[in-house]
Protein backbone atom coordinates (compact mmCIF):
# COMPACT_ATOMS: atom_id res chain seq x y z
CA MET A 1 -208.13 -6.13 182.74
CA ILE A 2 -211.70 -4.68 183.03
CA LEU A 3 -210.56 -2.23 180.24
CA ARG A 4 -209.27 -5.26 178.68
CA ILE A 5 -212.52 -7.17 178.25
CA PHE A 6 -214.09 -3.66 177.51
CA PHE A 7 -212.07 -3.45 174.23
CA LYS A 8 -212.53 -7.12 173.48
CA ALA A 9 -216.45 -6.85 173.43
CA LEU A 10 -216.35 -3.93 171.59
CA ALA A 11 -214.29 -5.47 169.18
CA VAL A 12 -217.00 -8.19 168.78
CA CYS A 13 -219.45 -5.35 168.35
CA LEU A 14 -217.89 -3.63 165.55
CA LEU A 15 -217.17 -7.18 163.85
CA LEU A 16 -220.45 -8.41 164.32
CA ALA A 17 -222.37 -5.11 163.31
CA CYS A 18 -220.28 -5.19 159.99
CA GLN A 19 -221.37 -8.65 159.33
CA SER A 20 -225.31 -7.43 159.77
CA ALA A 21 -224.28 -4.57 157.71
CA SER A 22 -223.00 -6.51 155.13
CA ALA A 23 -225.73 -9.35 155.14
CA THR A 24 -228.48 -8.09 152.98
CA THR A 25 -229.36 -8.26 149.37
CA ASP A 26 -229.19 -4.73 147.89
CA ALA A 27 -230.32 -2.99 144.38
CA LYS A 28 -227.19 -4.06 143.06
CA ALA A 29 -227.31 -7.85 143.85
CA ILE A 30 -231.15 -7.74 142.56
CA ARG A 31 -230.02 -5.90 139.03
CA ALA A 32 -227.24 -8.02 138.80
CA ALA A 33 -229.81 -11.14 138.87
CA VAL A 34 -232.09 -9.56 136.24
CA GLU A 35 -229.52 -8.69 133.96
CA ASN A 36 -227.78 -12.23 133.91
CA HIS A 37 -231.75 -13.67 133.72
CA MET A 38 -232.42 -11.02 130.34
CA GLN A 39 -229.30 -12.32 129.00
CA GLY A 40 -230.94 -15.90 128.64
CA TYR A 41 -234.47 -14.11 127.71
CA VAL A 42 -232.80 -12.46 124.68
CA SER A 43 -231.39 -16.05 123.39
CA GLU A 44 -234.71 -17.72 123.95
CA MET A 45 -236.46 -14.53 122.09
CA LYS A 46 -233.88 -14.92 119.17
CA ASN A 47 -235.31 -18.88 118.58
CA THR A 48 -239.07 -17.16 118.02
CA GLY A 49 -237.43 -14.96 114.87
CA ILE A 50 -236.85 -11.81 116.78
CA SER A 51 -233.69 -10.67 115.17
CA ARG A 52 -232.73 -8.32 118.04
CA LEU A 53 -234.25 -7.61 122.04
CA GLU A 54 -233.11 -4.09 123.58
CA TYR A 55 -234.23 -3.88 127.24
CA THR A 56 -234.11 -1.36 129.56
CA ILE A 57 -234.48 -2.31 133.71
CA THR A 58 -236.24 0.37 135.64
CA ALA A 59 -234.78 2.30 138.33
CA LEU A 60 -234.24 0.47 141.46
CA ASP A 61 -234.00 2.36 144.42
CA ASN A 62 -230.33 2.42 145.99
CA ARG A 63 -231.44 2.48 149.38
CA LEU A 64 -233.17 -1.41 149.25
CA ALA A 65 -232.04 -3.67 151.60
CA PHE A 66 -233.44 -7.20 151.93
CA PRO A 67 -232.27 -9.94 154.46
CA ASP A 68 -229.15 -11.78 152.79
CA CYS A 69 -230.67 -14.74 150.65
CA PRO A 70 -228.69 -18.19 151.49
CA GLY A 71 -229.21 -19.46 148.00
CA PRO A 72 -229.39 -18.07 144.50
CA LEU A 73 -232.23 -15.44 144.52
CA THR A 74 -235.45 -16.67 142.30
CA ILE A 75 -237.25 -15.00 139.19
CA GLU A 76 -240.47 -15.69 137.96
CA ARG A 77 -241.96 -13.92 134.53
CA ASP A 78 -245.15 -12.65 135.19
CA SER A 79 -247.62 -15.24 133.49
CA GLN A 80 -250.53 -12.70 132.90
CA GLN A 81 -247.91 -10.82 130.70
CA GLY A 82 -250.14 -9.59 127.81
CA SER A 83 -247.48 -6.88 126.41
CA SER A 84 -245.22 -6.98 124.04
CA ASN A 85 -243.33 -4.00 125.08
CA ARG A 86 -243.13 -4.87 129.48
CA LEU A 87 -242.10 -7.69 131.22
CA THR A 88 -242.43 -8.03 134.53
CA LEU A 89 -240.14 -10.18 137.00
CA LYS A 90 -240.52 -11.35 140.23
CA VAL A 91 -237.23 -11.57 142.23
CA GLY A 92 -236.90 -13.10 145.48
CA CYS A 93 -235.70 -15.35 148.20
CA SER A 94 -237.31 -18.49 148.60
CA GLU A 95 -234.49 -19.67 151.73
CA GLY A 96 -234.17 -18.12 155.25
CA ALA A 97 -236.31 -14.76 155.27
CA VAL A 98 -238.61 -15.39 152.53
CA TRP A 99 -238.93 -12.01 150.50
CA SER A 100 -239.64 -10.96 146.83
CA ILE A 101 -239.56 -7.86 145.00
CA TYR A 102 -241.52 -6.94 141.06
CA VAL A 103 -238.91 -5.42 138.55
CA PRO A 104 -240.57 -4.08 135.43
CA VAL A 105 -238.48 -4.30 132.20
CA ALA A 106 -239.14 -2.11 129.02
CA LEU A 107 -238.73 -4.30 125.96
CA ASN A 108 -238.07 -3.05 122.33
CA SER A 109 -238.02 -5.84 119.77
CA TYR A 110 -237.09 -6.09 116.75
CA ARG A 111 -237.55 -8.53 113.32
CA GLU A 112 -238.17 -8.51 109.70
CA VAL A 113 -241.71 -7.68 109.08
CA VAL A 114 -243.69 -6.53 106.14
CA VAL A 115 -243.70 -2.84 104.94
CA ALA A 116 -245.06 -0.87 102.24
CA LEU A 117 -242.72 0.34 99.88
CA GLN A 118 -245.09 3.02 98.32
CA PRO A 119 -248.34 4.20 99.50
CA LEU A 120 -251.01 1.77 99.44
CA GLN A 121 -255.10 3.45 98.53
CA ARG A 122 -257.84 1.85 99.79
CA GLY A 123 -259.68 -1.20 97.57
CA SER A 124 -256.68 -1.42 95.43
CA ALA A 125 -255.25 -4.84 95.41
CA ILE A 126 -251.57 -5.63 96.57
CA SER A 127 -248.97 -6.73 94.55
CA LEU A 128 -245.35 -7.95 95.51
CA GLY A 129 -243.82 -5.21 93.97
CA GLN A 130 -244.96 -2.94 96.60
CA LEU A 131 -243.71 -4.64 99.58
CA GLN A 132 -240.33 -5.26 101.03
CA LEU A 133 -239.07 -6.89 104.20
CA LYS A 134 -237.63 -4.37 106.83
CA GLU A 135 -236.16 -4.66 110.71
CA MET A 136 -238.88 -2.90 112.55
CA ASP A 137 -239.58 -2.58 116.17
CA ILE A 138 -242.84 -4.45 116.83
CA SER A 139 -242.91 -3.76 120.56
CA MET A 140 -246.08 -1.51 120.09
CA LEU A 141 -247.67 -3.22 117.46
CA HIS A 142 -251.17 -4.52 118.43
CA SER A 143 -252.14 -6.28 115.50
CA GLN A 144 -251.26 -9.30 113.73
CA TYR A 145 -248.05 -8.54 111.04
CA PHE A 146 -246.32 -10.33 108.52
CA THR A 147 -243.13 -12.02 107.88
CA SER A 148 -243.40 -13.17 104.31
CA THR A 149 -244.34 -10.85 101.34
CA ASP A 150 -246.09 -13.84 99.63
CA ALA A 151 -248.85 -13.77 102.11
CA LEU A 152 -250.17 -10.39 100.98
CA ASN A 153 -249.91 -10.90 97.73
CA GLY A 154 -253.38 -10.60 96.00
CA LYS A 155 -255.28 -9.23 99.20
CA LEU A 156 -257.17 -5.88 98.94
CA VAL A 157 -256.31 -2.59 100.92
CA ARG A 158 -258.93 -2.22 103.67
CA ARG A 159 -257.18 1.07 104.90
CA PRO A 160 -254.71 3.57 103.20
CA VAL A 161 -251.19 2.63 104.32
CA ARG A 162 -248.61 5.27 104.41
CA GLU A 163 -244.77 4.38 102.28
CA GLY A 164 -242.77 2.61 104.96
CA ALA A 165 -245.39 1.57 107.52
CA VAL A 166 -246.04 -1.74 108.84
CA ILE A 167 -248.66 -3.52 107.22
CA THR A 168 -250.95 -5.23 109.91
CA ALA A 169 -254.02 -7.69 109.28
CA ASP A 170 -256.49 -4.65 110.25
CA PHE A 171 -254.90 -2.88 106.86
CA ILE A 172 -255.98 -5.90 104.80
CA GLU A 173 -259.05 -8.33 103.80
CA GLU A 174 -259.62 -10.92 101.40
CA PRO A 175 -260.67 -10.37 97.75
CA ILE A 176 -263.94 -11.08 96.83
CA VAL A 177 -264.07 -14.68 95.43
CA ILE A 178 -268.10 -14.91 94.75
CA ARG A 179 -270.46 -12.89 93.60
CA ARG A 180 -274.12 -13.00 94.40
CA GLY A 181 -275.58 -14.70 91.13
CA ASP A 182 -272.18 -17.22 90.31
CA ALA A 183 -272.87 -20.74 89.66
CA ILE A 184 -270.85 -22.70 92.77
CA THR A 185 -270.05 -26.17 93.81
CA ILE A 186 -271.83 -26.95 97.05
CA ILE A 187 -269.45 -29.40 99.36
CA ALA A 188 -271.06 -31.29 102.16
CA ASN A 189 -268.60 -33.56 104.43
CA SER A 190 -270.22 -36.40 106.32
CA GLY A 191 -267.49 -38.28 107.79
CA THR A 192 -265.62 -40.06 105.29
CA LEU A 193 -268.44 -39.35 102.64
CA THR A 194 -268.01 -35.98 100.87
CA VAL A 195 -270.99 -35.04 98.40
CA LYS A 196 -270.83 -32.28 95.43
CA MET A 197 -273.85 -30.29 94.29
CA GLN A 198 -274.59 -27.32 92.12
CA GLY A 199 -275.58 -24.23 93.65
CA THR A 200 -276.17 -20.39 93.01
CA ALA A 201 -274.90 -17.77 95.53
CA LEU A 202 -277.30 -15.85 97.00
CA GLY A 203 -274.62 -13.41 98.27
CA ASP A 204 -270.69 -12.18 97.53
CA GLY A 205 -268.17 -13.83 99.73
CA ARG A 206 -264.40 -13.77 100.73
CA ILE A 207 -262.52 -16.82 101.60
CA GLY A 208 -263.68 -17.76 104.86
CA GLN A 209 -266.80 -16.12 105.24
CA GLN A 210 -270.20 -17.36 105.28
CA ILE A 211 -272.59 -16.58 102.59
CA SER A 212 -276.37 -17.82 101.90
CA VAL A 213 -276.71 -20.43 98.55
CA ARG A 214 -279.33 -22.16 97.02
CA ASN A 215 -278.85 -25.39 96.28
CA GLN A 216 -279.92 -25.97 92.52
CA SER A 217 -281.71 -29.68 92.99
CA SER A 218 -283.63 -29.23 96.01
CA ASP A 219 -284.32 -25.54 95.59
CA ARG A 220 -283.38 -25.37 99.49
CA VAL A 221 -281.59 -22.26 100.97
CA ILE A 222 -278.39 -23.16 103.47
CA LYS A 223 -275.26 -21.26 105.02
CA ALA A 224 -272.04 -22.25 103.46
CA THR A 225 -268.59 -20.83 103.76
CA VAL A 226 -266.43 -19.76 100.98
CA ARG A 227 -263.59 -22.19 100.09
CA GLY A 228 -262.23 -20.50 97.14
CA GLN A 229 -263.15 -19.43 93.56
CA GLY A 230 -266.60 -20.67 93.11
CA GLU A 231 -266.78 -23.54 95.92
CA VAL A 232 -268.12 -23.03 99.41
CA ILE A 233 -268.43 -25.81 102.13
CA ALA A 234 -271.73 -26.36 103.48
CA VAL A 235 -272.36 -25.59 107.20
CA MET A 236 -273.46 -28.97 108.50
């Protein structure tokens, strides 16, 4: 009888031990949750113009063992995400024994962007025949890139661009549309009232730049923002 009770107790202990050993969330379960989340993230990014997204989940220690989660694992993205080549996910359990772990994911994002068909020399004006759209990895680009060749037509090359390179904002600049001494139209807006005056540019200017101009009628020198060829907007 005593021997029978001993074996019964041993069997119960072994059963409980097996249940305890299986009642954990391991690296495999965490990786599966991240993989599932990333599938949705890939679809999400395609809606932003990304044509292809490749990702690599960081190696997880196979010895990881968190308490079993009664519900599905939660995943939060880092709200301070500042890099386009890395995503940090907070994976955790919000039920029972609460826990969390951060899982970095390396990203490679591809989309069609403007690249140079030939070398571009500093100071030259860009024409459409020098450009093409090509799918490129934009993950490591730290400056604004362009998705339309029209947006670069007529812009000036600020720095030399090699053949095949992605053209970013730091490679280009607006052409000078107003020269010092040019006769210009000064436009002043005040509510619904628009007044136009004749003036003279006192410096060279590109679209969006602020320059000094002289009002011909009052002889006053004021600051104005270049709007286009021969036109400035008075700074009120």
